[in-house]
N, C-alpha and C. Protein backbone atom coordinates (compact mmCIF):
# COMPACT_ATOMS: atom_id res chain seq x y z
N UNK A 1 5.75 -1.48 19.17
CA UNK A 1 5.92 -1.36 17.56
C UNK A 1 5.18 0.79 17.58
N UNK A 2 6.41 1.74 16.67
CA UNK A 2 5.63 2.82 16.16
C UNK A 2 4.48 3.25 15.27
N UNK A 3 4.28 3.77 15.45
CA UNK A 3 2.85 4.17 14.35
C UNK A 3 3.59 4.33 13.01
N UNK A 4 4.24 4.71 12.34
CA UNK A 4 4.82 4.23 11.25
C UNK A 4 5.30 2.90 10.83
N UNK A 5 5.36 2.23 11.82
CA UNK A 5 4.84 0.97 11.41
C UNK A 5 3.98 -0.15 11.57
N UNK A 6 3.33 0.51 12.31
CA UNK A 6 2.05 -0.16 12.48
C UNK A 6 1.51 -0.74 11.77
N UNK A 7 1.23 0.38 10.30
CA UNK A 7 0.36 0.25 9.51
C UNK A 7 1.31 -0.40 7.96
N UNK A 8 2.14 -0.34 8.20
CA UNK A 8 3.14 -0.36 6.74
C UNK A 8 3.60 -1.77 6.52
N UNK A 9 3.54 -2.22 7.74
CA UNK A 9 4.21 -3.84 7.73
C UNK A 9 4.40 -4.41 8.49
N UNK A 10 3.75 -5.57 8.41
CA UNK A 10 3.81 -6.46 9.96
C UNK A 10 4.86 -6.56 11.15
N UNK A 11 4.69 -7.01 12.22
CA UNK A 11 5.45 -7.35 12.49
C UNK A 11 6.93 -8.35 12.40
N UNK A 12 7.99 -8.04 12.82
CA UNK A 12 9.28 -8.82 12.48
C UNK A 12 8.31 -10.33 12.36
N UNK A 13 8.42 -11.10 13.31
CA UNK A 13 7.40 -12.39 13.24
C UNK A 13 7.06 -12.53 12.87
N UNK A 14 6.26 -11.85 12.93
CA UNK A 14 4.75 -11.99 11.72
C UNK A 14 5.58 -11.73 10.06
N UNK A 15 5.94 -11.00 10.05
CA UNK A 15 6.88 -11.04 8.36
C UNK A 15 7.52 -12.24 8.10
N UNK A 16 8.44 -13.09 8.74
CA UNK A 16 9.18 -14.02 9.05
C UNK A 16 7.48 -15.44 8.63
N UNK A 17 7.32 -15.22 9.36
CA UNK A 17 6.13 -16.67 9.22
C UNK A 17 5.28 -16.32 7.93
N UNK A 18 4.99 -15.28 7.49
CA UNK A 18 3.90 -14.88 6.46
C UNK A 18 5.09 -15.23 5.22
N UNK A 19 6.48 -14.80 4.72
CA UNK A 19 7.29 -15.03 3.85
C UNK A 19 6.92 -16.17 2.93
N UNK A 20 7.07 -17.45 2.81
CA UNK A 20 6.91 -17.84 1.81
C UNK A 20 5.23 -17.94 0.93
N UNK A 21 4.04 -17.27 1.85
CA UNK A 21 2.92 -16.76 1.57
C UNK A 21 3.14 -15.52 0.56
N UNK A 22 3.76 -14.70 0.84
CA UNK A 22 3.80 -13.68 0.34
C UNK A 22 4.70 -14.10 -0.64
N UNK A 23 5.93 -14.69 -0.95
CA UNK A 23 6.50 -14.91 -2.45
C UNK A 23 5.51 -15.77 -3.72
N UNK A 24 4.09 -16.46 -2.76
CA UNK A 24 3.94 -16.75 -4.16
C UNK A 24 2.48 -15.58 -4.31
N UNK A 25 2.06 -15.07 -3.07
CA UNK A 25 1.29 -14.59 -4.18
C UNK A 25 1.34 -13.00 -4.32
N UNK A 26 1.77 -12.62 -3.62
CA UNK A 26 2.36 -11.29 -3.77
C UNK A 26 2.27 -10.74 -5.34
N UNK A 27 3.29 -11.95 -6.35
CA UNK A 27 3.51 -11.79 -7.76
C UNK A 27 2.16 -11.89 -8.20
N UNK A 28 1.21 -12.83 -7.89
CA UNK A 28 0.11 -13.04 -8.26
C UNK A 28 -0.63 -11.59 -8.73
N UNK A 29 -0.84 -11.33 -7.35
CA UNK A 29 -1.58 -9.65 -6.94
C UNK A 29 -1.42 -9.03 -7.95
N UNK A 30 -0.25 -8.85 -8.30
CA UNK A 30 0.28 -7.80 -9.02
C UNK A 30 -0.43 -8.21 -10.41
N UNK A 31 0.09 -9.41 -10.97
CA UNK A 31 -0.24 -9.51 -12.31
C UNK A 31 -1.63 -9.73 -12.69
N UNK A 32 -2.45 -9.90 -11.72
CA UNK A 32 -3.93 -9.33 -11.51
C UNK A 32 -4.43 -8.52 -12.02
N UNK A 33 -3.26 -7.58 -11.01
CA UNK A 33 -4.28 -6.04 -11.21
C UNK A 33 -3.76 -5.11 -12.94
N UNK A 34 -2.55 -5.69 -12.99
CA UNK A 34 -1.97 -5.33 -14.54
C UNK A 34 -2.20 -6.19 -15.73
N UNK A 35 -2.98 -7.17 -15.49
CA UNK A 35 -3.51 -7.82 -16.71
C UNK A 35 -4.28 -7.02 -17.50
N UNK A 36 -4.24 -6.98 -18.91
CA UNK A 36 -5.40 -6.70 -19.74
C UNK A 36 -6.85 -6.25 -19.10
N UNK A 37 -6.94 -7.65 -18.98
CA UNK A 37 -8.39 -7.95 -19.13
C UNK A 37 -8.72 -7.31 -17.28
N UNK A 38 -7.82 -6.59 -16.60
CA UNK A 38 -8.30 -6.20 -15.09
C UNK A 38 -8.69 -4.16 -15.69
N UNK A 39 -9.84 -4.05 -15.13
CA UNK A 39 -9.79 -2.97 -15.34
C UNK A 39 -10.21 -2.37 -14.08
N UNK A 40 -9.88 -2.74 -13.03
CA UNK A 40 -9.98 -1.86 -11.82
C UNK A 40 -9.38 -0.97 -11.80
N UNK A 41 -8.14 -0.60 -12.32
CA UNK A 41 -7.42 0.82 -12.65
C UNK A 41 -7.59 1.56 -13.42
N UNK A 42 -8.57 1.30 -14.66
CA UNK A 42 -8.71 1.82 -15.47
C UNK A 42 -10.59 2.26 -15.16
N UNK A 43 -11.27 1.18 -14.30
CA UNK A 43 -12.69 1.47 -14.04
C UNK A 43 -12.93 1.25 -12.80
N UNK A 44 -12.50 2.02 -11.52
CA UNK A 44 -12.69 1.61 -10.21
C UNK A 44 -14.29 0.66 -9.88
N UNK A 45 -14.88 1.31 -10.12
CA UNK A 45 -15.92 1.88 -9.70
C UNK A 45 -16.97 -0.05 -9.08
N UNK A 46 -16.53 -1.14 -10.11
CA UNK A 46 -16.66 -2.92 -9.19
C UNK A 46 -15.69 -2.76 -8.00
N UNK A 47 -14.64 -2.75 -7.98
CA UNK A 47 -14.01 -3.02 -6.70
C UNK A 47 -14.84 -1.71 -6.08
N UNK A 48 -15.33 -0.50 -5.89
CA UNK A 48 -15.20 0.08 -5.10
C UNK A 48 -16.58 -0.33 -4.40
N UNK A 49 -17.66 -0.46 -5.33
CA UNK A 49 -18.49 -1.60 -5.03
C UNK A 49 -18.87 -2.36 -3.88
N UNK A 50 -17.42 -2.98 -4.60
CA UNK A 50 -17.10 -4.22 -2.84
C UNK A 50 -17.12 -4.01 -1.75
N UNK A 51 -16.08 -2.89 -1.42
CA UNK A 51 -14.91 -2.60 -0.36
C UNK A 51 -16.39 -1.50 0.53
N UNK A 52 -17.33 -0.61 -0.12
CA UNK A 52 -18.28 -0.31 0.29
C UNK A 52 -18.91 -0.67 0.94
N UNK A 53 -19.82 -1.66 0.30
CA UNK A 53 -20.81 -2.72 0.41
C UNK A 53 -20.19 -3.82 2.02
N UNK A 54 -18.72 -4.47 2.05
CA UNK A 54 -17.79 -4.64 3.37
C UNK A 54 -18.18 -3.78 4.45
N UNK A 55 -17.84 -2.64 3.92
CA UNK A 55 -18.14 -2.09 4.79
C UNK A 55 -19.20 -1.83 5.65
N UNK A 56 -19.89 -1.66 5.26
CA UNK A 56 -21.45 -1.76 5.51
C UNK A 56 -21.72 -2.96 5.90
N UNK A 57 -21.55 -4.00 5.40
CA UNK A 57 -21.82 -5.61 5.87
C UNK A 57 -21.11 -5.43 7.22
N UNK A 58 -19.68 -5.43 7.55
CA UNK A 58 -19.23 -5.78 8.78
C UNK A 58 -19.53 -4.19 9.91
N UNK A 59 -20.15 -3.64 9.69
CA UNK A 59 -20.54 -2.33 10.43
C UNK A 59 -19.59 -2.06 11.77
N UNK A 60 -18.16 -2.16 11.30
CA UNK A 60 -17.38 -1.76 12.44
C UNK A 60 -17.32 -0.28 12.91
N UNK A 61 -17.96 0.50 12.26
CA UNK A 61 -18.02 1.92 12.92
C UNK A 61 -16.75 2.73 11.83
N UNK A 62 -16.47 2.26 11.08
CA UNK A 62 -15.39 3.06 9.44
C UNK A 62 -16.58 3.30 8.63
N UNK A 63 -16.62 4.35 8.57
CA UNK A 63 -17.43 4.98 7.44
C UNK A 63 -16.35 5.03 6.12
N UNK A 64 -17.10 4.52 5.11
CA UNK A 64 -16.00 4.63 3.86
C UNK A 64 -17.50 5.11 2.22
N UNK A 65 -17.53 6.28 2.20
CA UNK A 65 -18.30 6.46 0.95
C UNK A 65 -18.01 5.55 -0.47
N UNK A 66 -19.29 5.77 -0.93
CA UNK A 66 -18.68 5.73 -2.61
C UNK A 66 -18.20 6.98 -3.52
N UNK A 67 -18.32 8.32 -2.79
CA UNK A 67 -17.71 9.44 -3.26
C UNK A 67 -16.14 9.63 -2.72
N UNK A 68 -16.08 8.83 -1.71
CA UNK A 68 -14.67 8.83 -0.93
C UNK A 68 -13.74 7.91 -1.51
N UNK A 69 -14.46 6.67 -1.64
CA UNK A 69 -13.78 6.04 -2.37
C UNK A 69 -13.62 6.41 -3.95
N UNK A 70 -14.04 6.94 -4.53
CA UNK A 70 -14.35 7.61 -6.19
C UNK A 70 -12.76 8.12 -5.76
N UNK A 71 -13.08 9.58 -5.02
CA UNK A 71 -12.21 10.26 -4.85
C UNK A 71 -10.71 9.75 -5.06
N UNK A 72 -10.48 9.05 -3.44
CA UNK A 72 -9.27 7.72 -3.41
C UNK A 72 -8.92 7.50 -4.77
N UNK A 73 -9.57 6.78 -5.19
CA UNK A 73 -9.14 6.11 -7.23
C UNK A 73 -8.38 6.75 -7.54
N UNK A 74 -9.12 8.17 -7.94
CA UNK A 74 -8.55 9.28 -8.47
C UNK A 74 -7.58 9.21 -8.24
N UNK A 75 -7.24 10.12 -6.48
CA UNK A 75 -5.98 10.67 -6.44
C UNK A 75 -5.02 9.41 -5.85
N UNK A 76 -5.65 7.80 -6.17
CA UNK A 76 -4.46 7.11 -5.92
C UNK A 76 -3.49 7.12 -7.34
N UNK A 77 -4.41 7.66 -8.48
CA UNK A 77 -3.88 7.75 -10.10
C UNK A 77 -3.47 9.35 -10.09
N UNK A 78 -3.88 10.13 -9.94
CA UNK A 78 -3.52 11.19 -10.22
C UNK A 78 -1.84 11.36 -9.29
N UNK A 79 -1.88 11.29 -7.72
CA UNK A 79 -0.45 11.87 -7.33
C UNK A 79 0.46 10.03 -7.64
N UNK A 80 -0.12 9.14 -8.40
CA UNK A 80 1.00 7.97 -8.78
C UNK A 80 1.15 7.20 -7.42
N UNK A 81 0.19 7.46 -6.46
CA UNK A 81 0.63 6.61 -5.79
C UNK A 81 0.22 4.95 -5.85
N UNK A 82 -0.51 4.68 -6.73
CA UNK A 82 -0.82 3.36 -7.29
C UNK A 82 -0.46 3.65 -9.20
N UNK A 83 0.85 2.47 -9.36
CA UNK A 83 1.16 3.15 -10.59
C UNK A 83 2.49 2.60 -10.84
N UNK A 84 2.92 1.88 -12.02
CA UNK A 84 4.48 1.24 -12.45
C UNK A 84 5.47 2.80 -11.56
N UNK A 85 6.44 2.19 -11.00
CA UNK A 85 7.21 2.97 -10.65
C UNK A 85 8.42 3.62 -11.52
N UNK A 86 9.46 4.24 -11.24
CA UNK A 86 10.28 5.09 -12.00
C UNK A 86 10.56 3.81 -12.64
N UNK A 87 10.64 2.72 -11.96
CA UNK A 87 11.49 1.47 -13.01
C UNK A 87 10.17 1.16 -14.07
N UNK A 88 9.62 2.01 -14.01
CA UNK A 88 7.81 0.67 -14.70
C UNK A 88 7.45 -0.63 -13.85
N UNK A 89 8.20 -0.71 -13.02
CA UNK A 89 7.61 -2.02 -12.22
C UNK A 89 6.33 -1.30 -11.08
N UNK A 90 5.59 -2.50 -11.03
CA UNK A 90 4.38 -2.05 -10.62
C UNK A 90 4.45 -2.85 -8.72
N UNK A 91 3.66 -2.17 -8.11
CA UNK A 91 4.13 -2.43 -6.40
C UNK A 91 5.29 -2.28 -5.99
N UNK A 92 6.14 -1.81 -6.24
CA UNK A 92 7.81 -1.93 -5.66
C UNK A 92 7.47 -0.57 -4.59
N UNK A 93 7.97 -0.48 -3.72
CA UNK A 93 8.71 1.15 -3.15
C UNK A 93 9.87 1.97 -3.47
N UNK A 94 9.93 3.31 -3.62
CA UNK A 94 10.77 3.68 -3.98
C UNK A 94 11.58 4.31 -2.89
N UNK A 95 12.89 4.09 -2.57
CA UNK A 95 13.70 4.03 -0.96
C UNK A 95 13.42 5.56 -0.94
N UNK A 96 13.89 6.18 -1.69
CA UNK A 96 13.67 8.33 -1.83
C UNK A 96 12.68 8.63 -1.16
N UNK A 97 11.46 7.82 -1.92
CA UNK A 97 10.07 8.01 -1.68
C UNK A 97 9.21 7.88 -0.22
N UNK A 98 10.41 6.97 0.60
CA UNK A 98 9.45 6.13 2.13
C UNK A 98 11.04 7.28 3.10
N UNK A 99 11.51 7.26 2.50
CA UNK A 99 12.43 8.39 3.38
C UNK A 99 12.31 9.95 3.98
N UNK A 100 11.12 10.18 2.54
CA UNK A 100 11.00 11.45 2.46
C UNK A 100 10.00 11.26 3.64
N UNK A 101 8.89 10.42 3.66
CA UNK A 101 7.93 10.21 4.34
C UNK A 101 8.04 10.23 6.08
N UNK A 102 9.07 9.22 5.82
CA UNK A 102 9.89 9.51 7.79
C UNK A 102 9.82 10.30 7.89
N UNK A 103 10.63 11.27 7.19
CA UNK A 103 11.08 12.78 7.18
C UNK A 103 9.76 13.30 8.01
N UNK A 104 8.96 13.23 7.17
CA UNK A 104 7.43 14.20 7.12
C UNK A 104 7.20 13.94 8.35
N UNK A 105 6.49 12.43 8.86
CA UNK A 105 6.04 12.01 10.07
C UNK A 105 6.49 12.06 10.71
N UNK A 106 7.36 11.72 11.42
CA UNK A 106 8.51 11.30 12.40
C UNK A 106 8.58 13.45 13.79
N UNK A 107 8.52 14.27 13.01
CA UNK A 107 8.32 15.22 13.74
C UNK A 107 6.37 15.37 14.26
N UNK A 108 6.10 15.14 12.97
CA UNK A 108 4.67 14.90 13.71
C UNK A 108 4.25 13.88 14.66
N UNK A 109 4.41 12.91 14.79
CA UNK A 109 4.15 11.69 15.42
C UNK A 109 5.22 12.36 16.79
N UNK A 110 6.70 12.63 16.93
CA UNK A 110 6.96 13.55 18.35
C UNK A 110 5.70 14.57 18.79
N UNK A 111 5.48 15.42 17.94
CA UNK A 111 4.66 16.55 18.67
C UNK A 111 3.24 15.97 19.03
N UNK A 112 3.11 14.72 19.11
CA UNK A 112 2.04 13.47 19.11
C UNK A 112 2.48 12.80 20.25
N UNK A 113 3.98 12.78 20.96
CA UNK A 113 3.95 12.16 21.96
C UNK A 113 4.22 10.43 21.59
N UNK A 114 4.24 10.36 19.86
CA UNK A 114 4.07 8.92 20.03
C UNK A 114 5.34 8.45 19.38
N UNK A 115 5.97 8.05 19.86
CA UNK A 115 7.66 7.64 19.65
C UNK A 115 8.24 6.98 18.08
N UNK A 116 8.92 7.32 17.33
CA UNK A 116 9.11 7.27 15.97
C UNK A 116 10.74 5.99 16.55
N UNK A 117 10.74 4.92 16.35
CA UNK A 117 12.18 4.06 16.16
C UNK A 117 12.95 5.28 15.95
N UNK A 118 14.37 5.38 16.65
CA UNK A 118 15.59 5.98 16.02
C UNK A 118 16.01 5.81 15.20
N UNK A 119 16.38 6.66 14.73
CA UNK A 119 16.70 5.61 12.95
C UNK A 119 16.20 4.97 12.19
N UNK A 120 15.15 5.46 12.39
CA UNK A 120 13.92 4.65 11.24
C UNK A 120 14.44 4.62 10.05
N UNK A 121 14.69 3.69 9.22
CA UNK A 121 15.29 3.50 7.99
C UNK A 121 13.63 2.75 6.76
N UNK A 122 14.09 3.47 5.64
CA UNK A 122 12.88 3.04 4.71
C UNK A 122 12.96 1.36 4.93
N UNK A 123 14.22 0.78 5.00
CA UNK A 123 13.64 -0.77 4.44
C UNK A 123 13.34 -1.20 5.92
N UNK A 124 13.10 -0.74 7.14
CA UNK A 124 12.47 -0.96 8.30
C UNK A 124 11.22 -1.12 8.36
N UNK A 125 10.33 -0.82 7.39
CA UNK A 125 9.01 -0.27 6.67
C UNK A 125 8.76 -1.13 5.61
N UNK A 126 9.32 -0.95 4.49
CA UNK A 126 8.92 -1.60 3.31
C UNK A 126 10.02 -2.53 2.99
N UNK A 127 9.81 -3.27 1.88
CA UNK A 127 10.35 -4.45 1.20
C UNK A 127 10.01 -4.11 -0.63
N UNK A 128 10.99 -4.32 -1.25
CA UNK A 128 10.75 -5.08 -2.79
C UNK A 128 10.90 -7.02 -2.73
N UNK A 129 11.20 -7.58 -1.23
CA UNK A 129 11.78 -8.70 -1.85
C UNK A 129 10.30 -9.26 -2.48
N UNK A 130 8.86 -9.15 -2.16
CA UNK A 130 8.52 -9.99 -3.17
C UNK A 130 7.74 -9.67 -4.67
N UNK A 131 8.26 -7.94 -4.70
CA UNK A 131 8.01 -7.72 -6.50
C UNK A 131 8.80 -8.62 -7.12
N UNK A 132 8.30 -8.55 -8.55
CA UNK A 132 8.55 -9.40 -9.63
C UNK A 132 8.64 -7.66 -10.75
N UNK A 133 9.78 -7.52 -10.94
CA UNK A 133 9.93 -6.84 -11.75
C UNK A 133 9.39 -6.67 -13.47
N UNK A 134 9.01 -7.54 -13.74
CA UNK A 134 8.39 -7.59 -15.26
C UNK A 134 6.58 -7.29 -15.02
N UNK A 135 6.55 -7.04 -14.15
CA UNK A 135 5.20 -6.83 -13.89
C UNK A 135 5.29 -5.59 -13.39
N UNK A 136 3.88 -5.08 -14.59
CA UNK A 136 3.53 -3.62 -15.04
C UNK A 136 2.73 -3.10 -15.62
N UNK A 137 1.72 -2.09 -14.92
CA UNK A 137 0.24 -1.39 -15.28
C UNK A 137 0.78 -1.40 -16.61
N UNK A 138 -0.76 -1.17 -17.69
CA UNK A 138 -0.39 -1.49 -19.27
C UNK A 138 -0.16 0.17 -19.46
C-alpha cells in the first residue's frame, strides 16, 4: 500500500467487506451533518471538545490542542475542504481535485523514496459510491 492510499481509503479487500455497512452508514452520517439541528458546522466547539478529550484519554502520543482543532475547523470551511461540492452535494469527491492532489504529492513521496502506484488515478483512492446527491449543507 502506498502513502497516497494508506490514509485515504481502506485496502480493496476491506472496502469490499465494508461496502454494505458504508452504503447504510455514510448517507446517515451526511444527513446528520446537514440537518438544520446539526450545529457542528456552524459551531464546531462541542465536537472539538469531544475530540480533544478523547485524544487526551487515549494517550496515544498524538497531540491535538483546542487551538489547533479550532484552526482546523476554520481552515476546512475557508478552504472548502468541508462543504457542499460544486454540485451542492455534501461529502462527494471532485475527481479533478483528487487528480491535482495526486499530481502534487507524487513527486514529494518519490523524493522521500516512498513509491506511489504507477498510474494512480482518483478512482483508485476515492469513491462517491455511497454519496446521496440530495444531501447538502444548509
